[in-house]
PDB file of N, CA and C in Angstrom:
ATOM      1  N   MET A   1       0.857  -1.164   0.000  1.00  0.00           N
ATOM      2  CA  MET A   1       0.000   0.000   0.000  1.00  0.00           C
ATOM      3  C   MET A   1       0.905   1.229   0.000  1.00  0.00           C
ATOM      4  N   LYS A   2       0.534   2.231  -0.808  1.00  0.00           N
ATOM      5  CA  LYS A   2       1.312   3.456  -0.880  1.00  0.00           C
ATOM      6  C   LYS A   2       0.374   4.644  -1.073  1.00  0.00           C
ATOM      7  N   VAL A   3       0.895   5.829  -0.910  1.00  0.00           N
ATOM      8  CA  VAL A   3       0.111   7.050  -1.077  1.00  0.00           C
ATOM      9  C   VAL A   3      -0.431   7.100  -2.506  1.00  0.00           C
ATOM     10  N   GLY A   4      -1.724   7.400  -2.630  1.00  0.00           N
ATOM     11  CA  GLY A   4      -2.378   7.478  -3.936  1.00  0.00           C
ATOM     12  C   GLY A   4      -3.189   6.251  -4.297  1.00  0.00           C
ATOM     13  N   ASP A   5      -3.013   5.149  -3.572  1.00  0.00           N
ATOM     14  CA  ASP A   5      -3.770   3.922  -3.843  1.00  0.00           C
ATOM     15  C   ASP A   5      -5.232   4.091  -3.444  1.00  0.00           C
ATOM     16  N   LEU A   6      -6.114   3.433  -4.187  1.00  0.00           N
ATOM     17  CA  LEU A   6      -7.515   3.315  -3.795  1.00  0.00           C
ATOM     18  C   LEU A   6      -7.641   2.040  -2.988  1.00  0.00           C
ATOM     19  N   VAL A   7      -8.314   2.110  -1.853  1.00  0.00           N
ATOM     20  CA  VAL A   7      -8.412   0.962  -0.955  1.00  0.00           C
ATOM     21  C   VAL A   7      -9.836   0.790  -0.454  1.00  0.00           C
ATOM     22  N   VAL A   8     -10.132  -0.415   0.007  1.00  0.00           N
ATOM     23  CA  VAL A   8     -11.378  -0.713   0.700  1.00  0.00           C
ATOM     24  C   VAL A   8     -11.014  -1.462   1.972  1.00  0.00           C
ATOM     25  N   TYR A   9     -11.894  -1.370   2.968  1.00  0.00           N
ATOM     26  CA  TYR A   9     -11.670  -2.091   4.213  1.00  0.00           C
ATOM     27  C   TYR A   9     -11.756  -3.584   3.928  1.00  0.00           C
ATOM     28  N   ASN A  10     -10.793  -4.343   4.385  1.00  0.00           N
ATOM     29  CA  ASN A  10     -10.706  -5.768   4.096  1.00  0.00           C
ATOM     30  C   ASN A  10     -11.540  -6.571   5.087  1.00  0.00           C
ATOM     31  N   LEU A  11     -12.627  -7.138   4.602  1.00  0.00           N
ATOM     32  CA  LEU A  11     -13.492  -7.956   5.458  1.00  0.00           C
ATOM     33  C   LEU A  11     -13.235  -9.446   5.279  1.00  0.00           C
ATOM     34  N   GLY A  12     -12.188  -9.797   4.552  1.00  0.00           N
ATOM     35  CA  GLY A  12     -11.845 -11.191   4.360  1.00  0.00           C
ATOM     36  C   GLY A  12     -12.841 -11.911   3.480  1.00  0.00           C
ATOM     37  N   ALA A  13     -13.189 -13.139   3.839  1.00  0.00           N
ATOM     38  CA  ALA A  13     -14.073 -13.974   3.031  1.00  0.00           C
ATOM     39  C   ALA A  13     -15.496 -13.424   2.946  1.00  0.00           C
ATOM     40  N   SER A  14     -15.910 -12.660   3.926  1.00  0.00           N
ATOM     41  CA  SER A  14     -17.284 -12.141   3.919  1.00  0.00           C
ATOM     42  C   SER A  14     -17.410 -10.844   3.113  1.00  0.00           C
ATOM     43  N   MET A  15     -16.328 -10.436   2.461  1.00  0.00           N
ATOM     44  CA  MET A  15     -16.341  -9.176   1.712  1.00  0.00           C
ATOM     45  C   MET A  15     -17.204  -9.289   0.469  1.00  0.00           C
ATOM     46  N   LYS A  16     -18.049  -8.287   0.248  1.00  0.00           N
ATOM     47  CA  LYS A  16     -18.908  -8.250  -0.934  1.00  0.00           C
ATOM     48  C   LYS A  16     -18.075  -7.892  -2.166  1.00  0.00           C
ATOM     49  N   PRO A  17     -18.580  -8.194  -3.364  1.00  0.00           N
ATOM     50  CA  PRO A  17     -17.859  -7.779  -4.572  1.00  0.00           C
ATOM     51  C   PRO A  17     -17.748  -6.253  -4.610  1.00  0.00           C
ATOM     52  N   LEU A  18     -16.662  -5.768  -5.210  1.00  0.00           N
ATOM     53  CA  LEU A  18     -16.464  -4.320  -5.292  1.00  0.00           C
ATOM     54  C   LEU A  18     -17.557  -3.697  -6.144  1.00  0.00           C
ATOM     55  N   GLY A  19     -17.877  -2.462  -5.888  1.00  0.00           N
ATOM     56  CA  GLY A  19     -18.903  -1.775  -6.643  1.00  0.00           C
ATOM     57  C   GLY A  19     -19.602  -0.710  -5.834  1.00  0.00           C
ATOM     58  N   ASP A  20     -19.447  -0.755  -4.522  1.00  0.00           N
ATOM     59  CA  ASP A  20     -20.057   0.260  -3.669  1.00  0.00           C
ATOM     60  C   ASP A  20     -19.054   1.399  -3.511  1.00  0.00           C
ATOM     61  N   TYR A  21     -19.201   2.445  -4.314  1.00  0.00           N
ATOM     62  CA  TYR A  21     -18.222   3.530  -4.334  1.00  0.00           C
ATOM     63  C   TYR A  21     -18.151   4.285  -3.010  1.00  0.00           C
ATOM     64  N   LYS A  22     -19.150   4.167  -2.144  1.00  0.00           N
ATOM     65  CA  LYS A  22     -19.122   4.856  -0.855  1.00  0.00           C
ATOM     66  C   LYS A  22     -18.009   4.320   0.042  1.00  0.00           C
ATOM     67  N   ASP A  23     -17.641   3.075  -0.148  1.00  0.00           N
ATOM     68  CA  ASP A  23     -16.648   2.451   0.728  1.00  0.00           C
ATOM     69  C   ASP A  23     -15.224   2.523   0.194  1.00  0.00           C
ATOM     70  N   VAL A  24     -15.015   3.182  -0.939  1.00  0.00           N
ATOM     71  CA  VAL A  24     -13.673   3.329  -1.508  1.00  0.00           C
ATOM     72  C   VAL A  24     -12.993   4.529  -0.870  1.00  0.00           C
ATOM     73  N   ALA A  25     -11.733   4.352  -0.486  1.00  0.00           N
ATOM     74  CA  ALA A  25     -10.962   5.423   0.149  1.00  0.00           C
ATOM     75  C   ALA A  25      -9.652   5.631  -0.602  1.00  0.00           C
ATOM     76  N   ILE A  26      -9.018   6.758  -0.343  1.00  0.00           N
ATOM     77  CA  ILE A  26      -7.741   7.108  -0.957  1.00  0.00           C
ATOM     78  C   ILE A  26      -6.691   7.223   0.140  1.00  0.00           C
ATOM     79  N   VAL A  27      -5.535   6.607  -0.082  1.00  0.00           N
ATOM     80  CA  VAL A  27      -4.426   6.720   0.867  1.00  0.00           C
ATOM     81  C   VAL A  27      -3.760   8.078   0.633  1.00  0.00           C
ATOM     82  N   VAL A  28      -3.741   8.930   1.651  1.00  0.00           N
ATOM     83  CA  VAL A  28      -3.199  10.278   1.477  1.00  0.00           C
ATOM     84  C   VAL A  28      -1.846  10.492   2.154  1.00  0.00           C
ATOM     85  N   ALA A  29      -1.488   9.666   3.124  1.00  0.00           N
ATOM     86  CA  ALA A  29      -0.194   9.830   3.786  1.00  0.00           C
ATOM     87  C   ALA A  29       0.174   8.579   4.561  1.00  0.00           C
ATOM     88  N   GLU A  30       1.473   8.325   4.639  1.00  0.00           N
ATOM     89  CA  GLU A  30       1.958   7.254   5.513  1.00  0.00           C
ATOM     90  C   GLU A  30       2.332   7.898   6.831  1.00  0.00           C
ATOM     91  N   ARG A  31       1.880   7.315   7.913  1.00  0.00           N
ATOM     92  CA  ARG A  31       2.143   7.860   9.241  1.00  0.00           C
ATOM     93  C   ARG A  31       3.373   7.198   9.833  1.00  0.00           C
ATOM     94  N   VAL A  32       4.077   7.900  10.667  1.00  0.00           N
ATOM     95  CA  VAL A  32       5.314   7.401  11.263  1.00  0.00           C
ATOM     96  C   VAL A  32       4.992   6.330  12.307  1.00  0.00           C
ATOM     97  N   VAL A  33       5.624   5.189  12.145  1.00  0.00           N
ATOM     98  CA  VAL A  33       5.471   4.066  13.080  1.00  0.00           C
ATOM     99  C   VAL A  33       6.870   3.521  13.341  1.00  0.00           C
ATOM    100  N   ARG A  34       7.078   2.928  14.482  1.00  0.00           N
ATOM    101  CA  ARG A  34       8.391   2.350  14.785  1.00  0.00           C
ATOM    102  C   ARG A  34       8.821   1.385  13.696  1.00  0.00           C
ATOM    103  N   LYS A  35      10.078   1.476  13.296  1.00  0.00           N
ATOM    104  CA  LYS A  35      10.577   0.615  12.223  1.00  0.00           C
ATOM    105  C   LYS A  35      10.621  -0.851  12.636  1.00  0.00           C
ATOM    106  N   SER A  36      10.553  -1.138  13.925  1.00  0.00           N
ATOM    107  CA  SER A  36      10.600  -2.525  14.390  1.00  0.00           C
ATOM    108  C   SER A  36       9.307  -3.279  14.054  1.00  0.00           C
ATOM    109  N   LEU A  37       8.211  -2.544  13.769  1.00  0.00           N
ATOM    110  CA  LEU A  37       6.950  -3.182  13.414  1.00  0.00           C
ATOM    111  C   LEU A  37       6.946  -3.510  11.925  1.00  0.00           C
ATOM    112  N   ASP A  38       6.321  -4.603  11.559  1.00  0.00           N
ATOM    113  CA  ASP A  38       6.281  -5.012  10.161  1.00  0.00           C
ATOM    114  C   ASP A  38       5.118  -4.397   9.396  1.00  0.00           C
ATOM    115  N   ILE A  39       4.112  -3.880  10.080  1.00  0.00           N
ATOM    116  CA  ILE A  39       2.980  -3.279   9.379  1.00  0.00           C
ATOM    117  C   ILE A  39       3.062  -1.765   9.490  1.00  0.00           C
ATOM    118  N   ARG A  40       2.466  -1.087   8.516  1.00  0.00           N
ATOM    119  CA  ARG A  40       2.542   0.360   8.470  1.00  0.00           C
ATOM    120  C   ARG A  40       1.163   0.971   8.716  1.00  0.00           C
ATOM    121  N   ASN A  41       1.151   2.216   9.134  1.00  0.00           N
ATOM    122  CA  ASN A  41      -0.068   2.952   9.439  1.00  0.00           C
ATOM    123  C   ASN A  41      -0.241   4.060   8.404  1.00  0.00           C
ATOM    124  N   PHE A  42      -1.480   4.265   7.942  1.00  0.00           N
ATOM    125  CA  PHE A  42      -1.740   5.239   6.891  1.00  0.00           C
ATOM    126  C   PHE A  42      -2.888   6.155   7.267  1.00  0.00           C
ATOM    127  N   ARG A  43      -2.871   7.347   6.696  1.00  0.00           N
ATOM    128  CA  ARG A  43      -3.986   8.298   6.783  1.00  0.00           C
ATOM    129  C   ARG A  43      -4.808   8.061   5.518  1.00  0.00           C
ATOM    130  N   ILE A  44      -6.101   7.816   5.694  1.00  0.00           N
ATOM    131  CA  ILE A  44      -6.976   7.423   4.593  1.00  0.00           C
ATOM    132  C   ILE A  44      -8.161   8.383   4.533  1.00  0.00           C
ATOM    133  N   TYR A  45      -8.532   8.786   3.303  1.00  0.00           N
ATOM    134  CA  TYR A  45      -9.635   9.730   3.109  1.00  0.00           C
ATOM    135  C   TYR A  45     -10.779   9.050   2.365  1.00  0.00           C
ATOM    136  N   TYR A  46     -11.983   9.152   2.939  1.00  0.00           N
ATOM    137  CA  TYR A  46     -13.201   8.655   2.295  1.00  0.00           C
ATOM    138  C   TYR A  46     -13.935   9.847   1.682  1.00  0.00           C
ATOM    139  N   PRO A  47     -13.856  10.038   0.342  1.00  0.00           N
ATOM    140  CA  PRO A  47     -14.490  11.204  -0.286  1.00  0.00           C
ATOM    141  C   PRO A  47     -16.006  11.247  -0.107  1.00  0.00           C
ATOM    142  N   TYR A  48     -16.682  10.113  -0.127  1.00  0.00           N
ATOM    143  CA  TYR A  48     -18.141  10.102  -0.012  1.00  0.00           C
ATOM    144  C   TYR A  48     -18.587  10.664   1.338  1.00  0.00           C
ATOM    145  N   TYR A  49     -17.871  10.293   2.393  1.00  0.00           N
ATOM    146  CA  TYR A  49     -18.220  10.730   3.744  1.00  0.00           C
ATOM    147  C   TYR A  49     -17.484  12.013   4.165  1.00  0.00           C
ATOM    148  N   LYS A  50     -16.513  12.431   3.354  1.00  0.00           N
ATOM    149  CA  LYS A  50     -15.667  13.598   3.650  1.00  0.00           C
ATOM    150  C   LYS A  50     -15.004  13.453   5.012  1.00  0.00           C
ATOM    151  N   GLU A  51     -14.407  12.266   5.226  1.00  0.00           N
ATOM    152  CA  GLU A  51     -13.777  11.938   6.513  1.00  0.00           C
ATOM    153  C   GLU A  51     -12.393  11.357   6.306  1.00  0.00           C
ATOM    154  N   TYR A  52     -11.507  11.665   7.241  1.00  0.00           N
ATOM    155  CA  TYR A  52     -10.178  11.062   7.285  1.00  0.00           C
ATOM    156  C   TYR A  52     -10.150  10.047   8.416  1.00  0.00           C
ATOM    157  N   LEU A  53      -9.468   8.933   8.175  1.00  0.00           N
ATOM    158  CA  LEU A  53      -9.280   7.911   9.202  1.00  0.00           C
ATOM    159  C   LEU A  53      -7.829   7.473   9.198  1.00  0.00           C
ATOM    160  N   ASN A  54      -7.387   6.909  10.300  1.00  0.00           N
ATOM    161  CA  ASN A  54      -6.073   6.285  10.361  1.00  0.00           C
ATOM    162  C   ASN A  54      -6.287   4.786  10.369  1.00  0.00           C
ATOM    163  N   GLY A  55      -5.476   4.058   9.591  1.00  0.00           N
ATOM    164  CA  GLY A  55      -5.654   2.618   9.539  1.00  0.00           C
ATOM    165  C   GLY A  55      -4.350   1.881   9.319  1.00  0.00           C
ATOM    166  N   TRP A  56      -4.303   0.653   9.800  1.00  0.00           N
ATOM    167  CA  TRP A  56      -3.136  -0.201   9.605  1.00  0.00           C
ATOM    168  C   TRP A  56      -3.218  -0.849   8.236  1.00  0.00           C
ATOM    169  N   GLU A  57      -2.062  -1.077   7.651  1.00  0.00           N
ATOM    170  CA  GLU A  57      -1.970  -1.616   6.294  1.00  0.00           C
ATOM    171  C   GLU A  57      -2.716  -2.935   6.134  1.00  0.00           C
ATOM    172  N   ASP A  58      -2.653  -3.808   7.117  1.00  0.00           N
ATOM    173  CA  ASP A  58      -3.280  -5.124   6.991  1.00  0.00           C
ATOM    174  C   ASP A  58      -4.803  -5.079   7.117  1.00  0.00           C
ATOM    175  N   GLU A  59      -5.385  -3.916   7.455  1.00  0.00           N
ATOM    176  CA  GLU A  59      -6.837  -3.787   7.563  1.00  0.00           C
ATOM    177  C   GLU A  59      -7.496  -3.435   6.229  1.00  0.00           C
ATOM    178  N   TYR A  60      -6.693  -3.086   5.209  1.00  0.00           N
ATOM    179  CA  TYR A  60      -7.228  -2.600   3.945  1.00  0.00           C
ATOM    180  C   TYR A  60      -6.737  -3.423   2.775  1.00  0.00           C
ATOM    181  N   ARG A  61      -7.544  -3.436   1.724  1.00  0.00           N
ATOM    182  CA  ARG A  61      -7.207  -4.133   0.483  1.00  0.00           C
ATOM    183  C   ARG A  61      -7.074  -3.084  -0.629  1.00  0.00           C
ATOM    184  N   VAL A  62      -5.950  -3.106  -1.346  1.00  0.00           N
ATOM    185  CA  VAL A  62      -5.718  -2.177  -2.453  1.00  0.00           C
ATOM    186  C   VAL A  62      -6.518  -2.638  -3.655  1.00  0.00           C
ATOM    187  N   ILE A  63      -7.257  -1.694  -4.283  1.00  0.00           N
ATOM    188  CA  ILE A  63      -8.031  -2.051  -5.481  1.00  0.00           C
ATOM    189  C   ILE A  63      -7.457  -1.401  -6.735  1.00  0.00           C
ATOM    190  N   SER A  64      -6.570  -0.424  -6.601  1.00  0.00           N
ATOM    191  CA  SER A  64      -5.867   0.124  -7.768  1.00  0.00           C
ATOM    192  C   SER A  64      -4.671   0.943  -7.342  1.00  0.00           C
TER     193      SER A  64
END
C-alpha cells in the first residue's frame, strides 16, 4: 500500500464484490510508526463521507 492507492476495508471472506463507491478510500499519507513493526499505518480519506481515518496496512485491500 502506498500514497495514492484506492483501498477498501478488508473484510476477508465475507467481503462483498467491489462496486459500492461509498466504501472506496484514498491513501493520502503514511504515518510514522516504529521501524521494528512489520505493518505500516496510513492516513486514509473517504471522499463520499468527507472523513479522514487512520488505519493499519493489513486492515485494507488495495483495489488500484
